[in-house]
Amino acid sequence: MPAWVQTGFEEYTKRMPTEARIEMLELKPDDRTGKSVDVLLKSEAVRLEAAIPRQAERLVLDERGEPMTTRDLAQMLTTWMREGISPCFIIGSADGLHVSVKQSASRQFSLSGCTLPHGLVRVMLAEQLYRAWSITQNHPYHRD
């Protein structure tokens, strides 16, 4: 990822309180040489399955998912914190996600109807989580 992605991601994650910290687990992509997209997505699905904590609530980010507003995310964040749920947002590779990963998720969300690059989604998601937390705290960061 370009340096601006890491810088942007870190900017918002460092603002989060310890009780709502953001952690990122990045899976290294497979070597694409001579492999079909289906084979690559199946391999990624196996690695994702192994990496995602069993108790986590799986949430897939997909341009075709249901639109999610910041206020929706703030409500979900409140519920997750109250109920001790650890959400796991899954961002697909350049080829998307295998159907099994999408089916294993409790919900599929969209940050935008546009197709966005993975790095930009990282930054946008971290910012939206910070903004949602700010809403729950009546912090002035978010303005309606």
N, C-alpha and C. Protein backbone atom coordinates (compact mmCIF):
# COMPACT_ATOMS: atom_id res chain seq x y z
N MET A 1 0.84 -1.19 0.00
CA MET A 1 0.00 0.00 0.00
C MET A 1 0.89 1.25 0.00
N PRO A 2 0.41 2.28 -0.67
CA PRO A 2 1.16 3.54 -0.63
C PRO A 2 1.21 4.11 0.80
N ALA A 3 2.20 4.92 1.06
CA ALA A 3 2.39 5.49 2.40
C ALA A 3 1.17 6.27 2.86
N TRP A 4 0.46 6.95 1.95
CA TRP A 4 -0.69 7.75 2.35
C TRP A 4 -1.80 6.88 2.95
N VAL A 5 -1.89 5.62 2.51
CA VAL A 5 -2.90 4.71 3.05
C VAL A 5 -2.59 4.44 4.53
N GLN A 6 -1.37 4.06 4.80
CA GLN A 6 -0.98 3.77 6.19
C GLN A 6 -1.10 5.02 7.06
N THR A 7 -0.68 6.16 6.53
CA THR A 7 -0.77 7.41 7.28
C THR A 7 -2.22 7.74 7.61
N GLY A 8 -3.09 7.65 6.61
CA GLY A 8 -4.51 7.94 6.82
C GLY A 8 -5.15 6.97 7.79
N PHE A 9 -4.87 5.69 7.63
CA PHE A 9 -5.42 4.67 8.52
C PHE A 9 -4.98 4.92 9.95
N GLU A 10 -3.69 5.15 10.14
CA GLU A 10 -3.15 5.39 11.49
C GLU A 10 -3.72 6.66 12.11
N GLU A 11 -3.97 7.67 11.30
CA GLU A 11 -4.53 8.92 11.83
C GLU A 11 -5.84 8.67 12.57
N TYR A 12 -6.70 7.85 12.00
CA TYR A 12 -7.99 7.61 12.65
C TYR A 12 -7.92 6.52 13.72
N THR A 13 -7.09 5.52 13.53
CA THR A 13 -7.02 4.48 14.56
C THR A 13 -6.42 5.00 15.85
N LYS A 14 -5.49 5.94 15.76
CA LYS A 14 -4.89 6.47 17.00
C LYS A 14 -5.88 7.35 17.76
N ARG A 15 -6.92 7.82 17.11
CA ARG A 15 -7.93 8.63 17.79
C ARG A 15 -8.94 7.78 18.57
N MET A 16 -9.01 6.52 18.25
CA MET A 16 -10.00 5.66 18.89
C MET A 16 -9.60 5.34 20.33
N PRO A 17 -10.60 5.26 21.23
CA PRO A 17 -10.29 4.88 22.61
C PRO A 17 -9.94 3.39 22.68
N THR A 18 -9.31 2.98 23.76
CA THR A 18 -8.89 1.58 23.88
C THR A 18 -10.07 0.62 23.85
N GLU A 19 -11.23 1.05 24.34
CA GLU A 19 -12.38 0.14 24.35
C GLU A 19 -13.02 -0.02 22.97
N ALA A 20 -12.58 0.76 22.01
CA ALA A 20 -13.10 0.65 20.64
C ALA A 20 -11.96 0.73 19.64
N ARG A 21 -10.86 0.10 19.97
CA ARG A 21 -9.69 0.21 19.09
C ARG A 21 -9.92 -0.56 17.78
N ILE A 22 -9.22 -0.12 16.78
CA ILE A 22 -9.28 -0.73 15.46
C ILE A 22 -7.98 -1.49 15.24
N GLU A 23 -8.12 -2.73 14.87
CA GLU A 23 -6.96 -3.54 14.53
C GLU A 23 -7.12 -3.99 13.08
N MET A 24 -6.01 -4.07 12.38
CA MET A 24 -6.06 -4.52 11.00
C MET A 24 -5.20 -5.76 10.85
N LEU A 25 -5.76 -6.74 10.18
CA LEU A 25 -5.01 -7.93 9.83
C LEU A 25 -5.01 -7.98 8.31
N GLU A 26 -3.85 -7.93 7.75
CA GLU A 26 -3.71 -7.91 6.30
C GLU A 26 -3.20 -9.26 5.83
N LEU A 27 -3.91 -9.85 4.90
CA LEU A 27 -3.47 -11.12 4.32
C LEU A 27 -2.65 -10.84 3.07
N LYS A 28 -1.51 -11.46 2.98
CA LYS A 28 -0.67 -11.29 1.81
C LYS A 28 -1.35 -12.00 0.63
N PRO A 29 -1.44 -11.32 -0.51
CA PRO A 29 -2.09 -11.95 -1.66
C PRO A 29 -1.26 -13.11 -2.21
N ASP A 30 -1.97 -14.06 -2.80
CA ASP A 30 -1.31 -15.19 -3.46
C ASP A 30 -0.58 -14.72 -4.70
N ASP A 31 0.36 -15.52 -5.13
CA ASP A 31 0.99 -15.29 -6.43
C ASP A 31 -0.08 -15.57 -7.48
N ARG A 32 -0.31 -14.62 -8.35
CA ARG A 32 -1.39 -14.70 -9.34
C ARG A 32 -0.98 -15.46 -10.60
N THR A 33 0.28 -15.76 -10.74
CA THR A 33 0.80 -16.36 -11.97
C THR A 33 0.06 -17.65 -12.33
N GLY A 34 -0.57 -17.63 -13.49
CA GLY A 34 -1.21 -18.84 -14.03
C GLY A 34 -2.44 -19.32 -13.29
N LYS A 35 -3.00 -18.51 -12.39
CA LYS A 35 -4.17 -18.94 -11.61
C LYS A 35 -5.40 -18.16 -12.04
N SER A 36 -6.52 -18.84 -12.06
CA SER A 36 -7.77 -18.17 -12.39
C SER A 36 -8.25 -17.36 -11.19
N VAL A 37 -9.13 -16.42 -11.46
CA VAL A 37 -9.69 -15.61 -10.37
C VAL A 37 -10.40 -16.50 -9.37
N ASP A 38 -11.14 -17.50 -9.84
CA ASP A 38 -11.87 -18.39 -8.93
C ASP A 38 -10.91 -19.12 -7.99
N VAL A 39 -9.80 -19.60 -8.51
CA VAL A 39 -8.82 -20.30 -7.68
C VAL A 39 -8.23 -19.34 -6.65
N LEU A 40 -7.92 -18.13 -7.08
CA LEU A 40 -7.37 -17.13 -6.15
C LEU A 40 -8.37 -16.79 -5.04
N LEU A 41 -9.64 -16.60 -5.40
CA LEU A 41 -10.65 -16.25 -4.40
C LEU A 41 -10.91 -17.40 -3.43
N LYS A 42 -10.89 -18.63 -3.92
CA LYS A 42 -11.06 -19.79 -3.04
C LYS A 42 -9.91 -19.89 -2.05
N SER A 43 -8.70 -19.68 -2.53
CA SER A 43 -7.53 -19.72 -1.65
C SER A 43 -7.61 -18.62 -0.60
N GLU A 44 -8.00 -17.42 -1.03
CA GLU A 44 -8.15 -16.31 -0.10
C GLU A 44 -9.22 -16.61 0.94
N ALA A 45 -10.31 -17.24 0.52
CA ALA A 45 -11.40 -17.57 1.44
C ALA A 45 -10.92 -18.51 2.54
N VAL A 46 -10.09 -19.47 2.19
CA VAL A 46 -9.54 -20.41 3.18
C VAL A 46 -8.66 -19.66 4.18
N ARG A 47 -7.83 -18.76 3.68
CA ARG A 47 -6.94 -17.99 4.55
C ARG A 47 -7.73 -17.01 5.42
N LEU A 48 -8.78 -16.41 4.87
CA LEU A 48 -9.64 -15.54 5.67
C LEU A 48 -10.32 -16.32 6.79
N GLU A 49 -10.83 -17.47 6.46
CA GLU A 49 -11.51 -18.31 7.46
C GLU A 49 -10.58 -18.62 8.62
N ALA A 50 -9.34 -18.89 8.32
CA ALA A 50 -8.37 -19.21 9.37
C ALA A 50 -7.99 -17.97 10.19
N ALA A 51 -8.05 -16.80 9.58
CA ALA A 51 -7.59 -15.58 10.24
C ALA A 51 -8.65 -14.88 11.09
N ILE A 52 -9.92 -15.06 10.75
CA ILE A 52 -10.99 -14.34 11.44
C ILE A 52 -11.31 -15.04 12.77
N PRO A 53 -11.28 -14.30 13.87
CA PRO A 53 -11.63 -14.93 15.15
C PRO A 53 -13.04 -15.52 15.11
N ARG A 54 -13.20 -16.67 15.70
CA ARG A 54 -14.49 -17.39 15.65
C ARG A 54 -15.66 -16.57 16.19
N GLN A 55 -15.43 -15.80 17.25
CA GLN A 55 -16.51 -15.07 17.89
C GLN A 55 -16.84 -13.75 17.20
N ALA A 56 -16.05 -13.37 16.21
CA ALA A 56 -16.24 -12.07 15.55
C ALA A 56 -17.51 -12.08 14.70
N GLU A 57 -18.17 -10.93 14.66
CA GLU A 57 -19.30 -10.75 13.74
C GLU A 57 -18.72 -10.31 12.41
N ARG A 58 -18.96 -11.11 11.40
CA ARG A 58 -18.39 -10.85 10.08
C ARG A 58 -19.26 -9.89 9.29
N LEU A 59 -18.60 -8.85 8.78
CA LEU A 59 -19.28 -7.83 7.98
C LEU A 59 -18.46 -7.62 6.72
N VAL A 60 -19.07 -7.89 5.60
CA VAL A 60 -18.38 -7.75 4.31
C VAL A 60 -18.65 -6.38 3.74
N LEU A 61 -17.60 -5.74 3.26
CA LEU A 61 -17.74 -4.48 2.55
C LEU A 61 -17.74 -4.80 1.06
N ASP A 62 -18.82 -4.38 0.40
CA ASP A 62 -19.00 -4.69 -1.02
C ASP A 62 -19.82 -3.57 -1.64
N GLU A 63 -19.46 -3.14 -2.81
CA GLU A 63 -20.19 -2.04 -3.46
C GLU A 63 -21.66 -2.37 -3.69
N ARG A 64 -21.99 -3.66 -3.73
CA ARG A 64 -23.38 -4.07 -3.92
C ARG A 64 -24.11 -4.37 -2.61
N GLY A 65 -23.42 -4.13 -1.49
CA GLY A 65 -24.04 -4.35 -0.19
C GLY A 65 -25.04 -3.26 0.13
N GLU A 66 -25.71 -3.43 1.27
CA GLU A 66 -26.70 -2.41 1.65
C GLU A 66 -25.99 -1.12 2.04
N PRO A 67 -26.54 0.00 1.61
CA PRO A 67 -25.91 1.28 1.97
C PRO A 67 -25.87 1.45 3.49
N MET A 68 -24.77 1.98 3.97
CA MET A 68 -24.60 2.18 5.40
C MET A 68 -24.31 3.66 5.64
N THR A 69 -25.11 4.27 6.49
CA THR A 69 -24.86 5.65 6.85
C THR A 69 -23.98 5.69 8.10
N THR A 70 -23.43 6.84 8.35
CA THR A 70 -22.62 7.01 9.56
C THR A 70 -23.47 6.81 10.80
N ARG A 71 -24.69 7.30 10.77
CA ARG A 71 -25.59 7.11 11.92
C ARG A 71 -25.91 5.63 12.13
N ASP A 72 -26.10 4.87 11.04
CA ASP A 72 -26.31 3.42 11.15
C ASP A 72 -25.10 2.78 11.83
N LEU A 73 -23.93 3.18 11.40
CA LEU A 73 -22.70 2.62 11.96
C LEU A 73 -22.57 2.98 13.44
N ALA A 74 -22.96 4.19 13.81
CA ALA A 74 -22.92 4.59 15.23
C ALA A 74 -23.86 3.72 16.06
N GLN A 75 -25.05 3.43 15.53
CA GLN A 75 -25.99 2.57 16.26
C GLN A 75 -25.41 1.16 16.42
N MET A 76 -24.82 0.64 15.34
CA MET A 76 -24.22 -0.69 15.43
C MET A 76 -23.07 -0.69 16.42
N LEU A 77 -22.25 0.34 16.40
CA LEU A 77 -21.12 0.44 17.32
C LEU A 77 -21.60 0.44 18.77
N THR A 78 -22.67 1.16 19.04
CA THR A 78 -23.24 1.18 20.38
C THR A 78 -23.68 -0.23 20.80
N THR A 79 -24.35 -0.92 19.90
CA THR A 79 -24.81 -2.29 20.19
C THR A 79 -23.62 -3.22 20.41
N TRP A 80 -22.64 -3.15 19.53
CA TRP A 80 -21.47 -4.03 19.67
C TRP A 80 -20.76 -3.80 21.00
N MET A 81 -20.59 -2.55 21.37
CA MET A 81 -19.90 -2.25 22.63
C MET A 81 -20.73 -2.70 23.83
N ARG A 82 -22.04 -2.49 23.77
CA ARG A 82 -22.92 -2.89 24.87
C ARG A 82 -22.95 -4.41 25.03
N GLU A 83 -22.96 -5.12 23.90
CA GLU A 83 -23.09 -6.57 23.93
C GLU A 83 -21.75 -7.32 23.87
N GLY A 84 -20.66 -6.57 23.83
CA GLY A 84 -19.34 -7.21 23.80
C GLY A 84 -19.05 -7.94 22.50
N ILE A 85 -19.57 -7.44 21.41
CA ILE A 85 -19.37 -8.07 20.10
C ILE A 85 -18.16 -7.44 19.43
N SER A 86 -17.34 -8.28 18.84
CA SER A 86 -16.18 -7.80 18.06
C SER A 86 -16.52 -7.90 16.58
N PRO A 87 -16.77 -6.76 15.94
CA PRO A 87 -17.04 -6.81 14.50
C PRO A 87 -15.76 -7.02 13.72
N CYS A 88 -15.86 -7.71 12.61
CA CYS A 88 -14.73 -7.93 11.72
C CYS A 88 -15.18 -7.50 10.33
N PHE A 89 -14.67 -6.38 9.87
CA PHE A 89 -14.98 -5.88 8.54
C PHE A 89 -14.04 -6.54 7.54
N ILE A 90 -14.61 -7.14 6.53
CA ILE A 90 -13.81 -7.86 5.54
C ILE A 90 -13.82 -7.06 4.24
N ILE A 91 -12.64 -6.65 3.83
CA ILE A 91 -12.46 -5.91 2.59
C ILE A 91 -11.86 -6.86 1.58
N GLY A 92 -12.48 -6.97 0.44
CA GLY A 92 -12.00 -7.91 -0.57
C GLY A 92 -10.75 -7.45 -1.29
N SER A 93 -10.20 -8.37 -2.03
CA SER A 93 -9.03 -8.09 -2.85
C SER A 93 -9.49 -7.37 -4.12
N ALA A 94 -8.56 -7.15 -5.03
CA ALA A 94 -8.89 -6.50 -6.30
C ALA A 94 -9.96 -7.28 -7.07
N ASP A 95 -10.03 -8.58 -6.83
CA ASP A 95 -11.01 -9.42 -7.51
C ASP A 95 -12.28 -9.64 -6.68
N GLY A 96 -12.36 -8.98 -5.54
CA GLY A 96 -13.54 -9.13 -4.69
C GLY A 96 -13.35 -10.23 -3.67
N LEU A 97 -14.46 -10.87 -3.31
CA LEU A 97 -14.45 -11.95 -2.33
C LEU A 97 -15.17 -13.17 -2.86
N HIS A 98 -14.74 -14.32 -2.43
CA HIS A 98 -15.41 -15.57 -2.81
C HIS A 98 -16.82 -15.57 -2.22
N VAL A 99 -17.73 -16.20 -2.92
CA VAL A 99 -19.13 -16.25 -2.48
C VAL A 99 -19.26 -16.83 -1.07
N SER A 100 -18.40 -17.77 -0.69
CA SER A 100 -18.48 -18.38 0.64
C SER A 100 -18.19 -17.36 1.73
N VAL A 101 -17.30 -16.42 1.46
CA VAL A 101 -16.98 -15.37 2.44
C VAL A 101 -18.20 -14.46 2.59
N LYS A 102 -18.80 -14.09 1.49
CA LYS A 102 -19.99 -13.23 1.54
C LYS A 102 -21.13 -13.93 2.28
N GLN A 103 -21.31 -15.22 2.03
CA GLN A 103 -22.38 -15.96 2.68
C GLN A 103 -22.13 -16.16 4.17
N SER A 104 -20.88 -16.14 4.59
CA SER A 104 -20.57 -16.34 6.02
C SER A 104 -20.76 -15.06 6.84
N ALA A 105 -20.95 -13.95 6.16
CA ALA A 105 -21.09 -12.66 6.85
C ALA A 105 -22.51 -12.47 7.34
N SER A 106 -22.64 -11.78 8.47
CA SER A 106 -23.98 -11.48 8.98
C SER A 106 -24.64 -10.39 8.14
N ARG A 107 -23.81 -9.52 7.54
CA ARG A 107 -24.34 -8.45 6.69
C ARG A 107 -23.29 -8.07 5.65
N GLN A 108 -23.79 -7.50 4.56
CA GLN A 108 -22.92 -6.95 3.53
C GLN A 108 -23.26 -5.48 3.39
N PHE A 109 -22.23 -4.64 3.55
CA PHE A 109 -22.41 -3.19 3.52
C PHE A 109 -21.67 -2.57 2.36
N SER A 110 -22.11 -1.38 2.02
CA SER A 110 -21.43 -0.58 1.02
C SER A 110 -21.07 0.77 1.62
N LEU A 111 -19.82 1.18 1.46
CA LEU A 111 -19.41 2.53 1.85
C LEU A 111 -19.74 3.50 0.73
N SER A 112 -19.91 2.95 -0.48
CA SER A 112 -20.20 3.77 -1.65
C SER A 112 -20.70 2.85 -2.75
N GLY A 113 -21.49 3.40 -3.64
CA GLY A 113 -21.91 2.63 -4.81
C GLY A 113 -20.80 2.52 -5.84
N CYS A 114 -19.73 3.26 -5.62
CA CYS A 114 -18.59 3.23 -6.53
C CYS A 114 -17.66 2.07 -6.18
N THR A 115 -16.94 1.60 -7.16
CA THR A 115 -15.88 0.64 -6.90
C THR A 115 -14.69 1.42 -6.38
N LEU A 116 -14.24 1.07 -5.18
CA LEU A 116 -13.15 1.82 -4.54
C LEU A 116 -11.92 0.92 -4.38
N PRO A 117 -10.74 1.52 -4.49
CA PRO A 117 -9.53 0.72 -4.25
C PRO A 117 -9.42 0.33 -2.78
N HIS A 118 -8.82 -0.81 -2.56
CA HIS A 118 -8.71 -1.38 -1.22
C HIS A 118 -8.12 -0.38 -0.22
N GLY A 119 -7.05 0.29 -0.59
CA GLY A 119 -6.40 1.23 0.32
C GLY A 119 -7.31 2.37 0.74
N LEU A 120 -8.07 2.88 -0.20
CA LEU A 120 -8.99 3.97 0.12
C LEU A 120 -10.10 3.48 1.06
N VAL A 121 -10.56 2.25 0.86
CA VAL A 121 -11.58 1.68 1.74
C VAL A 121 -11.05 1.58 3.16
N ARG A 122 -9.81 1.19 3.33
CA ARG A 122 -9.20 1.12 4.68
C ARG A 122 -9.31 2.46 5.39
N VAL A 123 -8.90 3.50 4.68
CA VAL A 123 -8.90 4.83 5.29
C VAL A 123 -10.33 5.28 5.56
N MET A 124 -11.21 5.09 4.58
CA MET A 124 -12.61 5.51 4.75
C MET A 124 -13.28 4.77 5.90
N LEU A 125 -13.05 3.47 6.01
CA LEU A 125 -13.66 2.70 7.10
C LEU A 125 -13.14 3.17 8.46
N ALA A 126 -11.84 3.37 8.57
CA ALA A 126 -11.28 3.85 9.85
C ALA A 126 -11.87 5.21 10.21
N GLU A 127 -11.99 6.10 9.22
CA GLU A 127 -12.56 7.42 9.49
C GLU A 127 -14.02 7.29 9.91
N GLN A 128 -14.78 6.45 9.24
CA GLN A 128 -16.19 6.29 9.58
C GLN A 128 -16.37 5.66 10.96
N LEU A 129 -15.51 4.74 11.33
CA LEU A 129 -15.59 4.17 12.68
C LEU A 129 -15.28 5.24 13.72
N TYR A 130 -14.29 6.08 13.44
CA TYR A 130 -14.00 7.17 14.36
C TYR A 130 -15.18 8.14 14.43
N ARG A 131 -15.75 8.46 13.29
CA ARG A 131 -16.89 9.38 13.25
C ARG A 131 -18.08 8.77 14.00
N ALA A 132 -18.33 7.49 13.80
CA ALA A 132 -19.43 6.81 14.50
C ALA A 132 -19.20 6.84 16.01
N TRP A 133 -17.97 6.55 16.43
CA TRP A 133 -17.66 6.62 17.86
C TRP A 133 -17.88 8.04 18.37
N SER A 134 -17.47 9.04 17.58
CA SER A 134 -17.66 10.44 17.98
C SER A 134 -19.13 10.75 18.19
N ILE A 135 -19.99 10.23 17.34
CA ILE A 135 -21.43 10.43 17.49
C ILE A 135 -21.91 9.84 18.81
N THR A 136 -21.43 8.64 19.13
CA THR A 136 -21.89 7.99 20.37
C THR A 136 -21.45 8.75 21.61
N GLN A 137 -20.42 9.57 21.46
CA GLN A 137 -19.87 10.34 22.59
C GLN A 137 -20.30 11.80 22.58
N ASN A 138 -21.17 12.16 21.65
CA ASN A 138 -21.59 13.56 21.46
C ASN A 138 -20.39 14.48 21.23
N HIS A 139 -19.38 13.94 20.61
CA HIS A 139 -18.17 14.70 20.29
C HIS A 139 -18.45 15.57 19.07
N PRO A 140 -17.91 16.76 19.01
CA PRO A 140 -18.22 17.68 17.91
C PRO A 140 -17.61 17.33 16.55
N TYR A 141 -16.86 16.24 16.43
CA TYR A 141 -16.25 15.88 15.15
C TYR A 141 -17.31 15.73 14.06
N HIS A 142 -18.40 15.07 14.39
CA HIS A 142 -19.47 14.86 13.40
C HIS A 142 -20.45 16.03 13.45
N ARG A 143 -20.77 16.53 12.27
CA ARG A 143 -21.76 17.62 12.19
C ARG A 143 -22.85 17.19 11.23
N ASP A 144 -24.08 17.33 11.66
CA ASP A 144 -25.22 17.01 10.77
C ASP A 144 -25.59 18.22 9.96
